[in-house]
Amino acid sequence: MNVITTITGTTARVAPHGEIDSHTLPPLRAAVDRLPLQVTDLLWDLEHTSFTDITGLRLLFGPAPHGVLCRRTVVTNLREQPLQLLLIAADLFPTIYDVSRLVPDTPAALTARRP
């Protein structure tokens, strides 16, 4: 797993290259844990991530690292499979997986509950 982290002011952009699963979680967690405490916005750029399993959901919606009081997390460049996983999780567990918080520019039609 190749992870590129770029910090600009109080925003960090983390761009993993490869699939997100239990085997690739350690370097991703390490990238987030290494962020300075002044980083208040975390942007996950998933352009180069074609697959994620439940591990990706836990990573994106999990608690902030120890010592970090408040960090806004958003995702950009979602590919088809990770987006579908997020939408299914939001449909099944809307209070846990609030996609509108993670992907603020998601059209309302995508986040509306399906019949």
PDB file of N, CA and C in Angstrom:
ATOM      1  N   MET A   1       0.860  -1.176   0.000  1.00  0.00           N
ATOM      2  CA  MET A   1       0.000   0.000   0.000  1.00  0.00           C
ATOM      3  C   MET A   1       0.899   1.229   0.000  1.00  0.00           C
ATOM      4  N   ASN A   2       0.714   2.042  -1.002  1.00  0.00           N
ATOM      5  CA  ASN A   2       1.406   3.316  -1.096  1.00  0.00           C
ATOM      6  C   ASN A   2       0.424   4.397  -0.637  1.00  0.00           C
ATOM      7  N   VAL A   3       0.850   5.226   0.312  1.00  0.00           N
ATOM      8  CA  VAL A   3      -0.001   6.281   0.850  1.00  0.00           C
ATOM      9  C   VAL A   3       0.738   7.604   0.721  1.00  0.00           C
ATOM     10  N   ILE A   4       0.121   8.545   0.022  1.00  0.00           N
ATOM     11  CA  ILE A   4       0.721   9.867  -0.131  1.00  0.00           C
ATOM     12  C   ILE A   4      -0.072  10.850   0.737  1.00  0.00           C
ATOM     13  N   THR A   5       0.634  11.524   1.626  1.00  0.00           N
ATOM     14  CA  THR A   5       0.004  12.493   2.520  1.00  0.00           C
ATOM     15  C   THR A   5       0.564  13.874   2.224  1.00  0.00           C
ATOM     16  N   THR A   6      -0.332  14.823   2.019  1.00  0.00           N
ATOM     17  CA  THR A   6       0.047  16.208   1.771  1.00  0.00           C
ATOM     18  C   THR A   6      -0.664  17.084   2.793  1.00  0.00           C
ATOM     19  N   ILE A   7       0.093  17.954   3.453  1.00  0.00           N
ATOM     20  CA  ILE A   7      -0.487  18.854   4.449  1.00  0.00           C
ATOM     21  C   ILE A   7      -0.345  20.284   3.962  1.00  0.00           C
ATOM     22  N   THR A   8      -1.480  20.982   3.943  1.00  0.00           N
ATOM     23  CA  THR A   8      -1.522  22.397   3.587  1.00  0.00           C
ATOM     24  C   THR A   8      -2.285  23.122   4.682  1.00  0.00           C
ATOM     25  N   GLY A   9      -1.583  23.881   5.477  1.00  0.00           N
ATOM     26  CA  GLY A   9      -2.220  24.582   6.588  1.00  0.00           C
ATOM     27  C   GLY A   9      -2.800  23.599   7.589  1.00  0.00           C
ATOM     28  N   THR A  10      -4.120  23.650   7.774  1.00  0.00           N
ATOM     29  CA  THR A  10      -4.782  22.758   8.728  1.00  0.00           C
ATOM     30  C   THR A  10      -5.486  21.594   8.024  1.00  0.00           C
ATOM     31  N   THR A  11      -5.201  21.417   6.738  1.00  0.00           N
ATOM     32  CA  THR A  11      -5.828  20.341   5.967  1.00  0.00           C
ATOM     33  C   THR A  11      -4.797  19.315   5.540  1.00  0.00           C
ATOM     34  N   ALA A  12      -5.140  18.050   5.744  1.00  0.00           N
ATOM     35  CA  ALA A  12      -4.295  16.953   5.268  1.00  0.00           C
ATOM     36  C   ALA A  12      -5.056  16.180   4.200  1.00  0.00           C
ATOM     37  N   ARG A  13      -4.384  15.866   3.110  1.00  0.00           N
ATOM     38  CA  ARG A  13      -4.939  15.044   2.034  1.00  0.00           C
ATOM     39  C   ARG A  13      -4.188  13.725   2.058  1.00  0.00           C
ATOM     40  N   VAL A  14      -4.927  12.634   2.273  1.00  0.00           N
ATOM     41  CA  VAL A  14      -4.343  11.306   2.313  1.00  0.00           C
ATOM     42  C   VAL A  14      -4.858  10.545   1.100  1.00  0.00           C
ATOM     43  N   ALA A  15      -3.925  10.101   0.262  1.00  0.00           N
ATOM     44  CA  ALA A  15      -4.286   9.428  -0.988  1.00  0.00           C
ATOM     45  C   ALA A  15      -3.677   8.027  -1.011  1.00  0.00           C
ATOM     46  N   PRO A  16      -4.479   7.019  -0.642  1.00  0.00           N
ATOM     47  CA  PRO A  16      -3.981   5.647  -0.720  1.00  0.00           C
ATOM     48  C   PRO A  16      -4.023   5.146  -2.164  1.00  0.00           C
ATOM     49  N   HIS A  17      -3.064   4.316  -2.501  1.00  0.00           N
ATOM     50  CA  HIS A  17      -3.018   3.691  -3.823  1.00  0.00           C
ATOM     51  C   HIS A  17      -3.127   2.188  -3.609  1.00  0.00           C
ATOM     52  N   GLY A  18      -4.279   1.637  -3.928  1.00  0.00           N
ATOM     53  CA  GLY A  18      -4.507   0.212  -3.739  1.00  0.00           C
ATOM     54  C   GLY A  18      -5.813  -0.033  -3.008  1.00  0.00           C
ATOM     55  N   GLU A  19      -6.078  -1.279  -2.734  1.00  0.00           N
ATOM     56  CA  GLU A  19      -7.320  -1.667  -2.065  1.00  0.00           C
ATOM     57  C   GLU A  19      -7.221  -1.415  -0.565  1.00  0.00           C
ATOM     58  N   ILE A  20      -8.368  -1.117   0.054  1.00  0.00           N
ATOM     59  CA  ILE A  20      -8.419  -0.933   1.496  1.00  0.00           C
ATOM     60  C   ILE A  20      -9.085  -2.156   2.103  1.00  0.00           C
ATOM     61  N   ASP A  21      -8.300  -2.889   2.887  1.00  0.00           N
ATOM     62  CA  ASP A  21      -8.810  -4.066   3.589  1.00  0.00           C
ATOM     63  C   ASP A  21      -7.993  -4.227   4.867  1.00  0.00           C
ATOM     64  N   SER A  22      -8.205  -5.311   5.573  1.00  0.00           N
ATOM     65  CA  SER A  22      -7.521  -5.486   6.862  1.00  0.00           C
ATOM     66  C   SER A  22      -6.002  -5.553   6.716  1.00  0.00           C
ATOM     67  N   HIS A  23      -5.505  -5.971   5.558  1.00  0.00           N
ATOM     68  CA  HIS A  23      -4.051  -6.062   5.354  1.00  0.00           C
ATOM     69  C   HIS A  23      -3.422  -4.694   5.096  1.00  0.00           C
ATOM     70  N   THR A  24      -4.186  -3.778   4.539  1.00  0.00           N
ATOM     71  CA  THR A  24      -3.642  -2.459   4.222  1.00  0.00           C
ATOM     72  C   THR A  24      -4.010  -1.403   5.261  1.00  0.00           C
ATOM     73  N   LEU A  25      -4.760  -1.786   6.278  1.00  0.00           N
ATOM     74  CA  LEU A  25      -5.167  -0.839   7.309  1.00  0.00           C
ATOM     75  C   LEU A  25      -3.996  -0.259   8.110  1.00  0.00           C
ATOM     76  N   PRO A  26      -2.996  -1.039   8.521  1.00  0.00           N
ATOM     77  CA  PRO A  26      -1.916  -0.467   9.331  1.00  0.00           C
ATOM     78  C   PRO A  26      -1.225   0.759   8.716  1.00  0.00           C
ATOM     79  N   PRO A  27      -0.828   0.741   7.437  1.00  0.00           N
ATOM     80  CA  PRO A  27      -0.187   1.956   6.920  1.00  0.00           C
ATOM     81  C   PRO A  27      -1.150   3.142   6.809  1.00  0.00           C
ATOM     82  N   LEU A  28      -2.427   2.866   6.612  1.00  0.00           N
ATOM     83  CA  LEU A  28      -3.405   3.949   6.551  1.00  0.00           C
ATOM     84  C   LEU A  28      -3.604   4.575   7.928  1.00  0.00           C
ATOM     85  N   ARG A  29      -3.746   3.745   8.938  1.00  0.00           N
ATOM     86  CA  ARG A  29      -3.876   4.263  10.312  1.00  0.00           C
ATOM     87  C   ARG A  29      -2.610   5.028  10.711  1.00  0.00           C
ATOM     88  N   ALA A  30      -1.454   4.496  10.319  1.00  0.00           N
ATOM     89  CA  ALA A  30      -0.193   5.160  10.651  1.00  0.00           C
ATOM     90  C   ALA A  30      -0.117   6.539  10.001  1.00  0.00           C
ATOM     91  N   ALA A  31      -0.597   6.657   8.760  1.00  0.00           N
ATOM     92  CA  ALA A  31      -0.588   7.956   8.069  1.00  0.00           C
ATOM     93  C   ALA A  31      -1.441   8.966   8.832  1.00  0.00           C
ATOM     94  N   VAL A  32      -2.599   8.530   9.321  1.00  0.00           N
ATOM     95  CA  VAL A  32      -3.482   9.424  10.075  1.00  0.00           C
ATOM     96  C   VAL A  32      -2.891   9.720  11.455  1.00  0.00           C
ATOM     97  N   ASP A  33      -2.342   8.722  12.099  1.00  0.00           N
ATOM     98  CA  ASP A  33      -1.763   8.921  13.436  1.00  0.00           C
ATOM     99  C   ASP A  33      -0.571   9.880  13.415  1.00  0.00           C
ATOM    100  N   ARG A  34       0.135   9.954  12.290  1.00  0.00           N
ATOM    101  CA  ARG A  34       1.302  10.841  12.173  1.00  0.00           C
ATOM    102  C   ARG A  34       0.930  12.296  11.891  1.00  0.00           C
ATOM    103  N   LEU A  35      -0.340  12.559  11.607  1.00  0.00           N
ATOM    104  CA  LEU A  35      -0.738  13.933  11.293  1.00  0.00           C
ATOM    105  C   LEU A  35      -0.552  14.831  12.513  1.00  0.00           C
ATOM    106  N   PRO A  36      -0.094  16.049  12.295  1.00  0.00           N
ATOM    107  CA  PRO A  36       0.050  16.980  13.420  1.00  0.00           C
ATOM    108  C   PRO A  36      -1.309  17.299  14.044  1.00  0.00           C
ATOM    109  N   LEU A  37      -1.314  17.641  15.303  1.00  0.00           N
ATOM    110  CA  LEU A  37      -2.559  17.938  16.003  1.00  0.00           C
ATOM    111  C   LEU A  37      -3.288  19.148  15.420  1.00  0.00           C
ATOM    112  N   GLN A  38      -2.563  20.064  14.755  1.00  0.00           N
ATOM    113  CA  GLN A  38      -3.225  21.245  14.190  1.00  0.00           C
ATOM    114  C   GLN A  38      -4.027  20.926  12.933  1.00  0.00           C
ATOM    115  N   VAL A  39      -3.948  19.704  12.410  1.00  0.00           N
ATOM    116  CA  VAL A  39      -4.760  19.320  11.254  1.00  0.00           C
ATOM    117  C   VAL A  39      -6.199  19.131  11.727  1.00  0.00           C
ATOM    118  N   THR A  40      -7.086  19.972  11.205  1.00  0.00           N
ATOM    119  CA  THR A  40      -8.500  19.919  11.593  1.00  0.00           C
ATOM    120  C   THR A  40      -9.387  19.367  10.482  1.00  0.00           C
ATOM    121  N   ASP A  41      -8.847  19.267   9.274  1.00  0.00           N
ATOM    122  CA  ASP A  41      -9.604  18.731   8.137  1.00  0.00           C
ATOM    123  C   ASP A  41      -8.799  17.618   7.483  1.00  0.00           C
ATOM    124  N   LEU A  42      -9.432  16.459   7.373  1.00  0.00           N
ATOM    125  CA  LEU A  42      -8.798  15.298   6.754  1.00  0.00           C
ATOM    126  C   LEU A  42      -9.559  14.947   5.486  1.00  0.00           C
ATOM    127  N   LEU A  43      -8.880  15.004   4.357  1.00  0.00           N
ATOM    128  CA  LEU A  43      -9.463  14.689   3.063  1.00  0.00           C
ATOM    129  C   LEU A  43      -8.885  13.369   2.572  1.00  0.00           C
ATOM    130  N   TRP A  44      -9.745  12.368   2.456  1.00  0.00           N
ATOM    131  CA  TRP A  44      -9.345  11.088   1.880  1.00  0.00           C
ATOM    132  C   TRP A  44      -9.594  11.172   0.374  1.00  0.00           C
ATOM    133  N   ASP A  45      -8.538  11.096  -0.415  1.00  0.00           N
ATOM    134  CA  ASP A  45      -8.653  11.099  -1.873  1.00  0.00           C
ATOM    135  C   ASP A  45      -8.570   9.648  -2.326  1.00  0.00           C
ATOM    136  N   LEU A  46      -9.716   9.081  -2.720  1.00  0.00           N
ATOM    137  CA  LEU A  46      -9.779   7.655  -3.061  1.00  0.00           C
ATOM    138  C   LEU A  46      -9.761   7.399  -4.572  1.00  0.00           C
ATOM    139  N   GLU A  47      -9.169   8.320  -5.306  1.00  0.00           N
ATOM    140  CA  GLU A  47      -9.090   8.170  -6.762  1.00  0.00           C
ATOM    141  C   GLU A  47      -8.396   6.873  -7.177  1.00  0.00           C
ATOM    142  N   HIS A  48      -7.404   6.456  -6.417  1.00  0.00           N
ATOM    143  CA  HIS A  48      -6.626   5.260  -6.764  1.00  0.00           C
ATOM    144  C   HIS A  48      -7.001   4.057  -5.905  1.00  0.00           C
ATOM    145  N   THR A  49      -8.221   4.073  -5.366  1.00  0.00           N
ATOM    146  CA  THR A  49      -8.727   2.969  -4.554  1.00  0.00           C
ATOM    147  C   THR A  49      -9.967   2.412  -5.240  1.00  0.00           C
ATOM    148  N   SER A  50      -9.816   1.236  -5.838  1.00  0.00           N
ATOM    149  CA  SER A  50     -10.943   0.650  -6.580  1.00  0.00           C
ATOM    150  C   SER A  50     -11.801  -0.269  -5.722  1.00  0.00           C
ATOM    151  N   PHE A  51     -11.296  -0.662  -4.545  1.00  0.00           N
ATOM    152  CA  PHE A  51     -12.032  -1.598  -3.689  1.00  0.00           C
ATOM    153  C   PHE A  51     -11.783  -1.274  -2.226  1.00  0.00           C
ATOM    154  N   THR A  52     -12.838  -1.400  -1.437  1.00  0.00           N
ATOM    155  CA  THR A  52     -12.705  -1.376   0.013  1.00  0.00           C
ATOM    156  C   THR A  52     -13.763  -2.299   0.599  1.00  0.00           C
ATOM    157  N   ASP A  53     -13.440  -2.856   1.751  1.00  0.00           N
ATOM    158  CA  ASP A  53     -14.419  -3.671   2.467  1.00  0.00           C
ATOM    159  C   ASP A  53     -14.818  -2.920   3.730  1.00  0.00           C
ATOM    160  N   ILE A  54     -15.363  -3.603   4.691  1.00  0.00           N
ATOM    161  CA  ILE A  54     -15.816  -2.977   5.929  1.00  0.00           C
ATOM    162  C   ILE A  54     -14.677  -2.230   6.629  1.00  0.00           C
ATOM    163  N   THR A  55     -13.459  -2.643   6.378  1.00  0.00           N
ATOM    164  CA  THR A  55     -12.298  -1.958   6.953  1.00  0.00           C
ATOM    165  C   THR A  55     -12.278  -0.495   6.533  1.00  0.00           C
ATOM    166  N   GLY A  56     -12.622  -0.223   5.274  1.00  0.00           N
ATOM    167  CA  GLY A  56     -12.664   1.152   4.795  1.00  0.00           C
ATOM    168  C   GLY A  56     -13.710   1.967   5.513  1.00  0.00           C
ATOM    169  N   LEU A  57     -14.865   1.357   5.777  1.00  0.00           N
ATOM    170  CA  LEU A  57     -15.907   2.065   6.526  1.00  0.00           C
ATOM    171  C   LEU A  57     -15.423   2.408   7.930  1.00  0.00           C
ATOM    172  N   ARG A  58     -14.781   1.458   8.568  1.00  0.00           N
ATOM    173  CA  ARG A  58     -14.277   1.697   9.927  1.00  0.00           C
ATOM    174  C   ARG A  58     -13.207   2.784   9.928  1.00  0.00           C
ATOM    175  N   LEU A  59     -12.397   2.807   8.893  1.00  0.00           N
ATOM    176  CA  LEU A  59     -11.358   3.827   8.785  1.00  0.00           C
ATOM    177  C   LEU A  59     -11.968   5.218   8.609  1.00  0.00           C
ATOM    178  N   LEU A  60     -12.935   5.325   7.711  1.00  0.00           N
ATOM    179  CA  LEU A  60     -13.534   6.620   7.400  1.00  0.00           C
ATOM    180  C   LEU A  60     -14.447   7.150   8.506  1.00  0.00           C
ATOM    181  N   PHE A  61     -15.128   6.245   9.203  1.00  0.00           N
ATOM    182  CA  PHE A  61     -16.093   6.661  10.224  1.00  0.00           C
ATOM    183  C   PHE A  61     -15.601   6.418  11.646  1.00  0.00           C
ATOM    184  N   GLY A  62     -14.398   5.935  11.785  1.00  0.00           N
ATOM    185  CA  GLY A  62     -13.883   5.625  13.112  1.00  0.00           C
ATOM    186  C   GLY A  62     -13.547   6.866  13.911  1.00  0.00           C
ATOM    187  N   PRO A  63     -13.241   6.678  15.173  1.00  0.00           N
ATOM    188  CA  PRO A  63     -12.912   7.818  16.036  1.00  0.00           C
ATOM    189  C   PRO A  63     -11.585   8.457  15.627  1.00  0.00           C
ATOM    190  N   ALA A  64     -11.430   9.718  15.979  1.00  0.00           N
ATOM    191  CA  ALA A  64     -10.173  10.424  15.725  1.00  0.00           C
ATOM    192  C   ALA A  64      -9.086   9.817  16.608  1.00  0.00           C
ATOM    193  N   PRO A  65      -7.829   9.921  16.190  1.00  0.00           N
ATOM    194  CA  PRO A  65      -6.735   9.406  17.018  1.00  0.00           C
ATOM    195  C   PRO A  65      -6.712  10.071  18.389  1.00  0.00           C
ATOM    196  N   HIS A  66      -6.105   9.404  19.340  1.00  0.00           N
ATOM    197  CA  HIS A  66      -5.996   9.906  20.709  1.00  0.00           C
ATOM    198  C   HIS A  66      -5.359  11.295  20.701  1.00  0.00           C
ATOM    199  N   GLY A  67      -5.959  12.211  21.422  1.00  0.00           N
ATOM    200  CA  GLY A  67      -5.431  13.565  21.526  1.00  0.00           C
ATOM    201  C   GLY A  67      -6.026  14.546  20.533  1.00  0.00           C
ATOM    202  N   VAL A  68      -6.757  14.041  19.539  1.00  0.00           N
ATOM    203  CA  VAL A  68      -7.384  14.909  18.533  1.00  0.00           C
ATOM    204  C   VAL A  68      -8.831  15.136  18.954  1.00  0.00           C
ATOM    205  N   LEU A  69      -9.165  16.367  19.266  1.00  0.00           N
ATOM    206  CA  LEU A  69     -10.506  16.672  19.761  1.00  0.00           C
ATOM    207  C   LEU A  69     -11.539  16.739  18.641  1.00  0.00           C
ATOM    208  N   CYS A  70     -11.191  17.376  17.547  1.00  0.00           N
ATOM    209  CA  CYS A  70     -12.173  17.558  16.485  1.00  0.00           C
ATOM    210  C   CYS A  70     -11.456  17.568  15.140  1.00  0.00           C
ATOM    211  N   ARG A  71     -11.840  16.667  14.259  1.00  0.00           N
ATOM    212  CA  ARG A  71     -11.258  16.632  12.923  1.00  0.00           C
ATOM    213  C   ARG A  71     -12.373  16.295  11.940  1.00  0.00           C
ATOM    214  N   ARG A  72     -12.629  17.183  11.015  1.00  0.00           N
ATOM    215  CA  ARG A  72     -13.637  16.980   9.980  1.00  0.00           C
ATOM    216  C   ARG A  72     -13.038  16.072   8.910  1.00  0.00           C
ATOM    217  N   THR A  73     -13.749  15.004   8.580  1.00  0.00           N
ATOM    218  CA  THR A  73     -13.282  14.046   7.579  1.00  0.00           C
ATOM    219  C   THR A  73     -14.223  14.054   6.394  1.00  0.00           C
ATOM    220  N   VAL A  74     -13.653  14.181   5.195  1.00  0.00           N
ATOM    221  CA  VAL A  74     -14.425  14.103   3.957  1.00  0.00           C
ATOM    222  C   VAL A  74     -13.687  13.200   2.970  1.00  0.00           C
ATOM    223  N   VAL A  75     -14.445  12.742   1.969  1.00  0.00           N
ATOM    224  CA  VAL A  75     -13.890  11.852   0.953  1.00  0.00           C
ATOM    225  C   VAL A  75     -14.131  12.465  -0.414  1.00  0.00           C
ATOM    226  N   THR A  76     -13.172  12.294  -1.302  1.00  0.00           N
ATOM    227  CA  THR A  76     -13.310  12.767  -2.668  1.00  0.00           C
ATOM    228  C   THR A  76     -12.856  11.674  -3.643  1.00  0.00           C
ATOM    229  N   ASN A  77     -13.280  11.826  -4.869  1.00  0.00           N
ATOM    230  CA  ASN A  77     -12.891  10.929  -5.964  1.00  0.00           C
ATOM    231  C   ASN A  77     -13.250   9.468  -5.709  1.00  0.00           C
ATOM    232  N   LEU A  78     -14.430   9.245  -5.154  1.00  0.00           N
ATOM    233  CA  LEU A  78     -14.888   7.876  -4.898  1.00  0.00           C
ATOM    234  C   LEU A  78     -15.124   7.134  -6.203  1.00  0.00           C
ATOM    235  N   ARG A  79     -14.601   5.950  -6.301  1.00  0.00           N
ATOM    236  CA  ARG A  79     -14.862   5.102  -7.456  1.00  0.00           C
ATOM    237  C   ARG A  79     -16.109   4.270  -7.179  1.00  0.00           C
ATOM    238  N   GLU A  80     -16.546   3.517  -8.155  1.00  0.00           N
ATOM    239  CA  GLU A  80     -17.853   2.858  -8.092  1.00  0.00           C
ATOM    240  C   GLU A  80     -18.027   1.925  -6.892  1.00  0.00           C
ATOM    241  N   GLN A  81     -17.118   0.998  -6.673  1.00  0.00           N
ATOM    242  CA  GLN A  81     -17.309   0.031  -5.589  1.00  0.00           C
ATOM    243  C   GLN A  81     -17.275   0.680  -4.209  1.00  0.00           C
ATOM    244  N   PRO A  82     -16.299   1.535  -3.899  1.00  0.00           N
ATOM    245  CA  PRO A  82     -16.342   2.179  -2.585  1.00  0.00           C
ATOM    246  C   PRO A  82     -17.594   3.035  -2.385  1.00  0.00           C
ATOM    247  N   LEU A  83     -18.052   3.713  -3.429  1.00  0.00           N
ATOM    248  CA  LEU A  83     -19.273   4.508  -3.325  1.00  0.00           C
ATOM    249  C   LEU A  83     -20.474   3.615  -3.042  1.00  0.00           C
ATOM    250  N   GLN A  84     -20.586   2.501  -3.740  1.00  0.00           N
ATOM    251  CA  GLN A  84     -21.698   1.586  -3.512  1.00  0.00           C
ATOM    252  C   GLN A  84     -21.683   1.037  -2.090  1.00  0.00           C
ATOM    253  N   LEU A  85     -20.514   0.707  -1.574  1.00  0.00           N
ATOM    254  CA  LEU A  85     -20.408   0.220  -0.197  1.00  0.00           C
ATOM    255  C   LEU A  85     -20.883   1.286   0.785  1.00  0.00           C
ATOM    256  N   LEU A  86     -20.466   2.537   0.582  1.00  0.00           N
ATOM    257  CA  LEU A  86     -20.911   3.621   1.453  1.00  0.00           C
ATOM    258  C   LEU A  86     -22.425   3.793   1.408  1.00  0.00           C
ATOM    259  N   LEU A  87     -22.998   3.726   0.217  1.00  0.00           N
ATOM    260  CA  LEU A  87     -24.442   3.909   0.084  1.00  0.00           C
ATOM    261  C   LEU A  87     -25.229   2.764   0.721  1.00  0.00           C
ATOM    262  N   ILE A  88     -24.737   1.536   0.576  1.00  0.00           N
ATOM    263  CA  ILE A  88     -25.394   0.392   1.212  1.00  0.00           C
ATOM    264  C   ILE A  88     -25.314   0.521   2.738  1.00  0.00           C
ATOM    265  N   ALA A  89     -24.133   0.879   3.242  1.00  0.00           N
ATOM    266  CA  ALA A  89     -23.963   1.045   4.689  1.00  0.00           C
ATOM    267  C   ALA A  89     -24.872   2.152   5.211  1.00  0.00           C
ATOM    268  N   ALA A  90     -24.962   3.256   4.462  1.00  0.00           N
ATOM    269  CA  ALA A  90     -25.824   4.370   4.882  1.00  0.00           C
ATOM    270  C   ALA A  90     -27.295   3.974   4.848  1.00  0.00           C
ATOM    271  N   ASP A  91     -27.661   3.137   3.900  1.00  0.00           N
ATOM    272  CA  ASP A  91     -29.042   2.684   3.796  1.00  0.00           C
ATOM    273  C   ASP A  91     -29.403   1.755   4.956  1.00  0.00           C
ATOM    274  N   LEU A  92     -28.486   0.864   5.307  1.00  0.00           N
ATOM    275  CA  LEU A  92     -28.746  -0.106   6.373  1.00  0.00           C
ATOM    276  C   LEU A  92     -28.599   0.501   7.771  1.00  0.00           C
ATOM    277  N   PHE A  93     -27.623   1.380   7.941  1.00  0.00           N
ATOM    278  CA  PHE A  93     -27.314   1.950   9.255  1.00  0.00           C
ATOM    279  C   PHE A  93     -27.118   3.465   9.135  1.00  0.00           C
ATOM    280  N   PRO A  94     -28.193   4.209   8.853  1.00  0.00           N
ATOM    281  CA  PRO A  94     -28.057   5.648   8.574  1.00  0.00           C
ATOM    282  C   PRO A  94     -27.499   6.479   9.732  1.00  0.00           C
ATOM    283  N   THR A  95     -27.723   6.067  10.958  1.00  0.00           N
ATOM    284  CA  THR A  95     -27.198   6.858  12.074  1.00  0.00           C
ATOM    285  C   THR A  95     -25.701   6.646  12.279  1.00  0.00           C
ATOM    286  N   ILE A  96     -25.192   5.519  11.852  1.00  0.00           N
ATOM    287  CA  ILE A  96     -23.765   5.219  11.993  1.00  0.00           C
ATOM    288  C   ILE A  96     -22.975   5.737  10.799  1.00  0.00           C
ATOM    289  N   TYR A  97     -23.501   5.519   9.597  1.00  0.00           N
ATOM    290  CA  TYR A  97     -22.795   5.875   8.364  1.00  0.00           C
ATOM    291  C   TYR A  97     -23.522   7.024   7.671  1.00  0.00           C
ATOM    292  N   ASP A  98     -23.283   8.223   8.154  1.00  0.00           N
ATOM    293  CA  ASP A  98     -23.899   9.429   7.598  1.00  0.00           C
ATOM    294  C   ASP A  98     -23.064   9.896   6.411  1.00  0.00           C
ATOM    295  N   VAL A  99     -23.450   9.455   5.220  1.00  0.00           N
ATOM    296  CA  VAL A  99     -22.698   9.761   4.007  1.00  0.00           C
ATOM    297  C   VAL A  99     -22.696  11.264   3.729  1.00  0.00           C
ATOM    298  N   SER A 100     -23.752  11.965   4.096  1.00  0.00           N
ATOM    299  CA  SER A 100     -23.805  13.402   3.836  1.00  0.00           C
ATOM    300  C   SER A 100     -22.719  14.155   4.613  1.00  0.00           C
ATOM    301  N   ARG A 101     -22.280  13.598   5.727  1.00  0.00           N
ATOM    302  CA  ARG A 101     -21.190  14.203   6.492  1.00  0.00           C
ATOM    303  C   ARG A 101     -19.847  13.918   5.835  1.00  0.00           C
ATOM    304  N   LEU A 102     -19.696  12.714   5.332  1.00  0.00           N
ATOM    305  CA  LEU A 102     -18.430  12.277   4.758  1.00  0.00           C
ATOM    306  C   LEU A 102     -18.228  12.794   3.340  1.00  0.00           C
ATOM    307  N   VAL A 103     -19.321  12.865   2.592  1.00  0.00           N
ATOM    308  CA  VAL A 103     -19.266  13.324   1.203  1.00  0.00           C
ATOM    309  C   VAL A 103     -20.267  14.469   1.080  1.00  0.00           C
ATOM    310  N   PRO A 104     -19.900  15.665   1.547  1.00  0.00           N
ATOM    311  CA  PRO A 104     -20.872  16.749   1.630  1.00  0.00           C
ATOM    312  C   PRO A 104     -21.488  17.174   0.302  1.00  0.00           C
ATOM    313  N   ASP A 105     -20.821  16.922  -0.808  1.00  0.00           N
ATOM    314  CA  ASP A 105     -21.381  17.330  -2.095  1.00  0.00           C
ATOM    315  C   ASP A 105     -22.113  16.194  -2.806  1.00  0.00           C
ATOM    316  N   THR A 106     -22.486  15.139  -2.056  1.00  0.00           N
ATOM    317  CA  THR A 106     -23.240  14.031  -2.620  1.00  0.00           C
ATOM    318  C   THR A 106     -24.663  14.486  -2.927  1.00  0.00           C
ATOM    319  N   PRO A 107     -25.136  14.254  -4.147  1.00  0.00           N
ATOM    320  CA  PRO A 107     -26.516  14.641  -4.461  1.00  0.00           C
ATOM    321  C   PRO A 107     -27.503  13.962  -3.509  1.00  0.00           C
ATOM    322  N   ALA A 108     -28.521  14.685  -3.108  1.00  0.00           N
ATOM    323  CA  ALA A 108     -29.510  14.172  -2.159  1.00  0.00           C
ATOM    324  C   ALA A 108     -30.152  12.884  -2.672  1.00  0.00           C
ATOM    325  N   ALA A 109     -30.318  12.753  -3.967  1.00  0.00           N
ATOM    326  CA  ALA A 109     -30.937  11.556  -4.535  1.00  0.00           C
ATOM    327  C   ALA A 109     -30.129  10.305  -4.219  1.00  0.00           C
ATOM    328  N   LEU A 110     -28.823  10.430  -4.104  1.00  0.00           N
ATOM    329  CA  LEU A 110     -27.987   9.265  -3.799  1.00  0.00           C
ATOM    330  C   LEU A 110     -28.075   8.875  -2.344  1.00  0.00           C
ATOM    331  N   THR A 111     -28.261   9.851  -1.473  1.00  0.00           N
ATOM    332  CA  THR A 111     -28.285   9.535  -0.042  1.00  0.00           C
ATOM    333  C   THR A 111     -29.686   9.287   0.490  1.00  0.00           C
ATOM    334  N   ALA A 112     -30.696   9.521  -0.329  1.00  0.00           N
ATOM    335  CA  ALA A 112     -32.092   9.259   0.108  1.00  0.00           C
ATOM    336  C   ALA A 112     -32.274   7.771   0.297  1.00  0.00           C
ATOM    337  N   ARG A 113     -33.062   7.415   1.280  1.00  0.00           N
ATOM    338  CA  ARG A 113     -33.327   5.998   1.551  1.00  0.00           C
ATOM    339  C   ARG A 113     -34.032   5.371   0.371  1.00  0.00           C
ATOM    340  N   ARG A 114     -33.537   4.228  -0.010  1.00  0.00           N
ATOM    341  CA  ARG A 114     -34.158   3.481  -1.105  1.00  0.00           C
ATOM    342  C   ARG A 114     -35.325   2.680  -0.555  1.00  0.00           C
ATOM    343  N   PRO A 115     -36.368   2.434  -1.393  1.00  0.00           N
ATOM    344  CA  PRO A 115     -37.531   1.657  -0.918  1.00  0.00           C
ATOM    345  C   PRO A 115     -37.162   0.220  -0.616  1.00  0.00           C
TER     346      PRO A 115
END
